[in-house]
Amino acid sequence: MVKTLRSVVRLDDVKSTKVGHIYNIRVPEATELENGNVVKLGDFEATNRDVRAGLTTTSGDKVVLIAATPLIYDNNRYKDGLEQYYYAEEGEVVRAYELGVTDVFSVSLKGFVDEPVVGSVIVPNGYKLDVLADPLTAPTTGFVAKVIGIETVGGALSLNVTNSGTTLYKLEVTQV
């Protein structure tokens, strides 16, 4: 069975990892969420006040960042349990982090609608991040970030040289 590559996230300097809000988000019906995806906070569930709905986003929305601990149950073969194959299915509960201005996090290419470059302005689009075609049209409310770097992790530079590296796009939040 061929596995689909998924988005990977790294929380480089996100304030809510130490102080702030970390939310439990229910993956919406007929949806798969990957690490590095974004959702808009919905209402609390009527029967579980620890879990909120995760809603699809548009440019101008305040969002939270999905960064769940990858749980891969079929780990009987090498490479099957790599984080780049992790996703959460409909109905699962995932961890989402509140973002603040100057927070820095990195997301792999699979977390974007279009490929960004250093200096790209990023806004939410659905559950993914998208490059704003004209930075002068950035929304005045909601989440906006800027790509501040691109780096490759893993691969030939790691102890495990049998995997190719993962390219991460480092984002700094400029507006929430």
C-alpha atoms as a PDB file:
ATOM      1  CA  MET A   1       0.000   0.000   0.000  1.00  0.00           C
ATOM      2  CA  VAL A   2       1.402   3.381  -1.025  1.00  0.00           C
ATOM      3  CA  LYS A   3       1.236   5.934   1.750  1.00  0.00           C
ATOM      4  CA  THR A   4       0.392   9.558   1.055  1.00  0.00           C
ATOM      5  CA  LEU A   5       2.865  12.182   2.206  1.00  0.00           C
ATOM      6  CA  ARG A   6       1.291  14.599   4.683  1.00  0.00           C
ATOM      7  CA  SER A   7       2.146  17.955   6.189  1.00  0.00           C
ATOM      8  CA  VAL A   8       4.653  18.125   9.047  1.00  0.00           C
ATOM      9  CA  VAL A   9       4.886  20.935  11.607  1.00  0.00           C
ATOM     10  CA  ARG A  10       7.611  22.135  13.954  1.00  0.00           C
ATOM     11  CA  LEU A  11       6.845  24.536  16.795  1.00  0.00           C
ATOM     12  CA  ASP A  12      10.007  26.630  16.734  1.00  0.00           C
ATOM     13  CA  ASP A  13       8.999  29.450  19.085  1.00  0.00           C
ATOM     14  CA  VAL A  14       5.278  29.323  19.830  1.00  0.00           C
ATOM     15  CA  LYS A  15       4.357  31.019  23.099  1.00  0.00           C
ATOM     16  CA  SER A  16       1.370  28.763  23.805  1.00  0.00           C
ATOM     17  CA  THR A  17       3.696  25.764  24.212  1.00  0.00           C
ATOM     18  CA  LYS A  18       4.625  27.307  27.576  1.00  0.00           C
ATOM     19  CA  VAL A  19       1.858  29.775  28.415  1.00  0.00           C
ATOM     20  CA  GLY A  20      -1.334  30.405  26.510  1.00  0.00           C
ATOM     21  CA  HIS A  21      -4.105  28.266  25.109  1.00  0.00           C
ATOM     22  CA  ILE A  22      -3.861  24.747  23.750  1.00  0.00           C
ATOM     23  CA  TYR A  23      -7.199  23.521  22.437  1.00  0.00           C
ATOM     24  CA  ASN A  24      -8.717  20.100  21.814  1.00  0.00           C
ATOM     25  CA  ILE A  25     -10.301  20.157  18.367  1.00  0.00           C
ATOM     26  CA  ARG A  26     -12.665  17.550  16.892  1.00  0.00           C
ATOM     27  CA  VAL A  27     -11.793  16.757  13.275  1.00  0.00           C
ATOM     28  CA  PRO A  28     -14.851  17.750  11.194  1.00  0.00           C
ATOM     29  CA  GLU A  29     -17.025  15.276   9.331  1.00  0.00           C
ATOM     30  CA  ALA A  30     -15.625  14.026   5.989  1.00  0.00           C
ATOM     31  CA  THR A  31     -12.274  15.705   6.734  1.00  0.00           C
ATOM     32  CA  GLU A  32      -8.706  14.667   7.441  1.00  0.00           C
ATOM     33  CA  LEU A  33      -6.450  17.102   9.304  1.00  0.00           C
ATOM     34  CA  GLU A  34      -2.675  17.076   9.154  1.00  0.00           C
ATOM     35  CA  ASN A  35      -0.107  18.690  11.408  1.00  0.00           C
ATOM     36  CA  GLY A  36       0.458  22.217  10.162  1.00  0.00           C
ATOM     37  CA  ASN A  37      -3.179  22.683   9.121  1.00  0.00           C
ATOM     38  CA  VAL A  38      -5.185  25.549  10.605  1.00  0.00           C
ATOM     39  CA  VAL A  39      -8.782  25.725  11.833  1.00  0.00           C
ATOM     40  CA  LYS A  40     -11.091  28.375  13.171  1.00  0.00           C
ATOM     41  CA  LEU A  41     -12.345  27.672  16.697  1.00  0.00           C
ATOM     42  CA  GLY A  42     -15.928  26.512  16.850  1.00  0.00           C
ATOM     43  CA  ASP A  43     -18.288  25.983  19.763  1.00  0.00           C
ATOM     44  CA  PHE A  44     -17.737  23.540  22.602  1.00  0.00           C
ATOM     45  CA  GLU A  45     -19.374  20.148  22.220  1.00  0.00           C
ATOM     46  CA  ALA A  46     -22.564  19.816  24.237  1.00  0.00           C
ATOM     47  CA  THR A  47     -21.467  16.531  25.839  1.00  0.00           C
ATOM     48  CA  ASN A  48     -17.742  17.268  26.177  1.00  0.00           C
ATOM     49  CA  ARG A  49     -16.727  20.738  27.351  1.00  0.00           C
ATOM     50  CA  ASP A  50     -13.042  19.998  26.732  1.00  0.00           C
ATOM     51  CA  VAL A  51     -13.492  19.695  22.962  1.00  0.00           C
ATOM     52  CA  ARG A  52     -14.347  22.355  20.401  1.00  0.00           C
ATOM     53  CA  ALA A  53     -15.390  22.080  16.775  1.00  0.00           C
ATOM     54  CA  GLY A  54     -12.742  22.866  14.149  1.00  0.00           C
ATOM     55  CA  LEU A  55     -14.139  25.004  11.350  1.00  0.00           C
ATOM     56  CA  THR A  56     -12.776  25.710   7.876  1.00  0.00           C
ATOM     57  CA  THR A  57     -10.976  29.023   7.442  1.00  0.00           C
ATOM     58  CA  THR A  58     -10.818  31.909   5.012  1.00  0.00           C
ATOM     59  CA  SER A  59      -8.516  34.882   4.737  1.00  0.00           C
ATOM     60  CA  GLY A  60      -9.135  37.234   7.668  1.00  0.00           C
ATOM     61  CA  ASP A  61     -10.009  34.518  10.200  1.00  0.00           C
ATOM     62  CA  LYS A  62      -8.305  34.054  13.567  1.00  0.00           C
ATOM     63  CA  VAL A  63      -6.928  30.505  13.512  1.00  0.00           C
ATOM     64  CA  VAL A  64      -5.260  27.877  15.695  1.00  0.00           C
ATOM     65  CA  LEU A  65      -2.449  25.615  14.484  1.00  0.00           C
ATOM     66  CA  ILE A  66      -2.895  21.829  14.444  1.00  0.00           C
ATOM     67  CA  ALA A  67       0.157  20.183  16.020  1.00  0.00           C
ATOM     68  CA  ALA A  68      -0.937  16.817  17.387  1.00  0.00           C
ATOM     69  CA  THR A  69       1.366  14.116  18.670  1.00  0.00           C
ATOM     70  CA  PRO A  70       1.621  11.617  15.802  1.00  0.00           C
ATOM     71  CA  LEU A  71       0.082   8.297  16.788  1.00  0.00           C
ATOM     72  CA  ILE A  72       0.767   5.643  14.188  1.00  0.00           C
ATOM     73  CA  TYR A  73      -0.517   2.239  15.172  1.00  0.00           C
ATOM     74  CA  ASP A  74       0.878   0.104  12.344  1.00  0.00           C
ATOM     75  CA  ASN A  75       4.573   0.471  13.020  1.00  0.00           C
ATOM     76  CA  ASN A  76       5.674  -3.010  12.019  1.00  0.00           C
ATOM     77  CA  ARG A  77       7.788  -1.954   9.046  1.00  0.00           C
ATOM     78  CA  TYR A  78      10.553   0.586   8.812  1.00  0.00           C
ATOM     79  CA  LYS A  79       9.326   3.979   7.525  1.00  0.00           C
ATOM     80  CA  ASP A  80       5.612   3.167   8.049  1.00  0.00           C
ATOM     81  CA  GLY A  81       5.587   5.161  11.273  1.00  0.00           C
ATOM     82  CA  LEU A  82       7.238   8.327  10.038  1.00  0.00           C
ATOM     83  CA  GLU A  83       5.588  11.580  11.011  1.00  0.00           C
ATOM     84  CA  GLN A  84       5.221  12.605   7.367  1.00  0.00           C
ATOM     85  CA  TYR A  85       2.480   9.969   6.992  1.00  0.00           C
ATOM     86  CA  TYR A  86       0.459  11.026  10.044  1.00  0.00           C
ATOM     87  CA  TYR A  87      -3.043  12.481   9.765  1.00  0.00           C
ATOM     88  CA  ALA A  88      -6.137  12.606  11.954  1.00  0.00           C
ATOM     89  CA  GLU A  89      -9.391  11.229  10.613  1.00  0.00           C
ATOM     90  CA  GLU A  90     -12.939  12.485  10.975  1.00  0.00           C
ATOM     91  CA  GLY A  91     -14.111  12.411  14.601  1.00  0.00           C
ATOM     92  CA  GLU A  92     -10.651  12.235  16.201  1.00  0.00           C
ATOM     93  CA  VAL A  93      -9.556  14.884  18.695  1.00  0.00           C
ATOM     94  CA  VAL A  94      -6.309  16.734  17.950  1.00  0.00           C
ATOM     95  CA  ARG A  95      -4.227  19.355  19.715  1.00  0.00           C
ATOM     96  CA  ALA A  96      -4.265  22.927  18.377  1.00  0.00           C
ATOM     97  CA  TYR A  97      -2.112  25.832  19.523  1.00  0.00           C
ATOM     98  CA  GLU A  98      -3.117  29.464  19.891  1.00  0.00           C
ATOM     99  CA  LEU A  99      -0.861  31.704  17.801  1.00  0.00           C
ATOM    100  CA  GLY A 100       0.384  35.155  18.737  1.00  0.00           C
ATOM    101  CA  VAL A 101       2.264  37.919  16.959  1.00  0.00           C
ATOM    102  CA  THR A 102       5.992  37.026  16.592  1.00  0.00           C
ATOM    103  CA  ASP A 103       5.357  33.283  17.101  1.00  0.00           C
ATOM    104  CA  VAL A 104       7.544  31.202  14.779  1.00  0.00           C
ATOM    105  CA  PHE A 105       6.657  27.769  13.413  1.00  0.00           C
ATOM    106  CA  SER A 106       7.622  25.672  10.396  1.00  0.00           C
ATOM    107  CA  VAL A 107       5.408  23.699   8.023  1.00  0.00           C
ATOM    108  CA  SER A 108       6.309  21.345   5.169  1.00  0.00           C
ATOM    109  CA  LEU A 109       5.138  22.007   1.605  1.00  0.00           C
ATOM    110  CA  LYS A 110       2.116  19.693   1.969  1.00  0.00           C
ATOM    111  CA  GLY A 111       0.622  22.216   4.413  1.00  0.00           C
ATOM    112  CA  PHE A 112       0.350  24.901   1.716  1.00  0.00           C
ATOM    113  CA  VAL A 113      -2.001  25.416  -1.231  1.00  0.00           C
ATOM    114  CA  ASP A 114       0.839  26.943  -3.310  1.00  0.00           C
ATOM    115  CA  GLU A 115       4.595  26.798  -2.790  1.00  0.00           C
ATOM    116  CA  PRO A 116       5.860  29.833  -0.863  1.00  0.00           C
ATOM    117  CA  VAL A 117       9.218  31.594  -1.121  1.00  0.00           C
ATOM    118  CA  VAL A 118      11.074  33.650   1.473  1.00  0.00           C
ATOM    119  CA  GLY A 119       9.122  36.874   1.940  1.00  0.00           C
ATOM    120  CA  SER A 120       5.740  35.391   0.918  1.00  0.00           C
ATOM    121  CA  VAL A 121       2.726  36.608   2.882  1.00  0.00           C
ATOM    122  CA  ILE A 122       0.643  33.673   4.152  1.00  0.00           C
ATOM    123  CA  VAL A 123      -3.088  33.560   4.987  1.00  0.00           C
ATOM    124  CA  PRO A 124      -5.456  30.677   5.820  1.00  0.00           C
ATOM    125  CA  ASN A 125      -7.388  28.992   3.011  1.00  0.00           C
ATOM    126  CA  GLY A 126      -9.602  26.059   3.971  1.00  0.00           C
ATOM    127  CA  TYR A 127      -7.523  23.980   6.363  1.00  0.00           C
ATOM    128  CA  LYS A 128      -4.231  24.840   4.649  1.00  0.00           C
ATOM    129  CA  LEU A 129      -2.020  27.890   4.386  1.00  0.00           C
ATOM    130  CA  ASP A 130      -1.911  29.901   1.175  1.00  0.00           C
ATOM    131  CA  VAL A 131       0.405  32.432  -0.427  1.00  0.00           C
ATOM    132  CA  LEU A 132      -1.240  35.810  -0.856  1.00  0.00           C
ATOM    133  CA  ALA A 133      -0.762  36.833  -4.497  1.00  0.00           C
ATOM    134  CA  ASP A 134      -0.559  40.551  -3.685  1.00  0.00           C
ATOM    135  CA  PRO A 135       0.931  41.286  -0.235  1.00  0.00           C
ATOM    136  CA  LEU A 136      -0.654  44.748  -0.333  1.00  0.00           C
ATOM    137  CA  THR A 137      -4.091  43.110  -0.105  1.00  0.00           C
ATOM    138  CA  ALA A 138      -3.359  41.347   3.213  1.00  0.00           C
ATOM    139  CA  PRO A 139      -6.414  41.322   5.486  1.00  0.00           C
ATOM    140  CA  THR A 140      -6.465  43.795   8.373  1.00  0.00           C
ATOM    141  CA  THR A 141      -7.921  41.197  10.766  1.00  0.00           C
ATOM    142  CA  GLY A 142      -7.164  37.562  11.436  1.00  0.00           C
ATOM    143  CA  PHE A 143      -4.088  35.431  10.830  1.00  0.00           C
ATOM    144  CA  VAL A 144      -1.260  36.675   8.615  1.00  0.00           C
ATOM    145  CA  ALA A 145       2.302  35.307   8.567  1.00  0.00           C
ATOM    146  CA  LYS A 146       5.460  35.834   6.565  1.00  0.00           C
ATOM    147  CA  VAL A 147       7.930  33.191   5.328  1.00  0.00           C
ATOM    148  CA  ILE A 148      11.257  34.039   6.978  1.00  0.00           C
ATOM    149  CA  GLY A 149      13.280  31.012   5.921  1.00  0.00           C
ATOM    150  CA  ILE A 150      13.388  27.654   4.195  1.00  0.00           C
ATOM    151  CA  GLU A 151      15.413  24.765   5.585  1.00  0.00           C
ATOM    152  CA  THR A 152      15.806  21.049   5.059  1.00  0.00           C
ATOM    153  CA  VAL A 153      15.857  18.751   8.076  1.00  0.00           C
ATOM    154  CA  GLY A 154      16.725  15.073   8.189  1.00  0.00           C
ATOM    155  CA  GLY A 155      18.089  13.111   5.249  1.00  0.00           C
ATOM    156  CA  ALA A 156      21.829  13.146   4.653  1.00  0.00           C
ATOM    157  CA  LEU A 157      22.382  15.538   7.550  1.00  0.00           C
ATOM    158  CA  SER A 158      20.853  13.200  10.121  1.00  0.00           C
ATOM    159  CA  LEU A 159      21.897   9.882  11.625  1.00  0.00           C
ATOM    160  CA  ASN A 160      19.305   8.144   9.449  1.00  0.00           C
ATOM    161  CA  VAL A 161      20.574   8.759   5.921  1.00  0.00           C
ATOM    162  CA  THR A 162      18.113   6.405   4.234  1.00  0.00           C
ATOM    163  CA  ASN A 163      15.370   9.052   4.227  1.00  0.00           C
ATOM    164  CA  SER A 164      15.340  12.150   2.098  1.00  0.00           C
ATOM    165  CA  GLY A 165      15.157  15.389   4.023  1.00  0.00           C
ATOM    166  CA  THR A 166      11.956  17.323   4.691  1.00  0.00           C
ATOM    167  CA  THR A 167      11.852  20.924   3.529  1.00  0.00           C
ATOM    168  CA  LEU A 168      10.249  23.200   6.111  1.00  0.00           C
ATOM    169  CA  TYR A 169       9.006  26.732   5.499  1.00  0.00           C
ATOM    170  CA  LYS A 170       9.618  28.851   8.600  1.00  0.00           C
ATOM    171  CA  LEU A 171       6.811  31.338   9.295  1.00  0.00           C
ATOM    172  CA  GLU A 172       6.619  34.311  11.635  1.00  0.00           C
ATOM    173  CA  VAL A 173       3.146  35.391  12.638  1.00  0.00           C
ATOM    174  CA  THR A 174       2.687  39.103  11.883  1.00  0.00           C
ATOM    175  CA  GLN A 175      -0.996  39.444  12.766  1.00  0.00           C
ATOM    176  CA  VAL A 176      -3.620  37.398  14.592  1.00  0.00           C
END
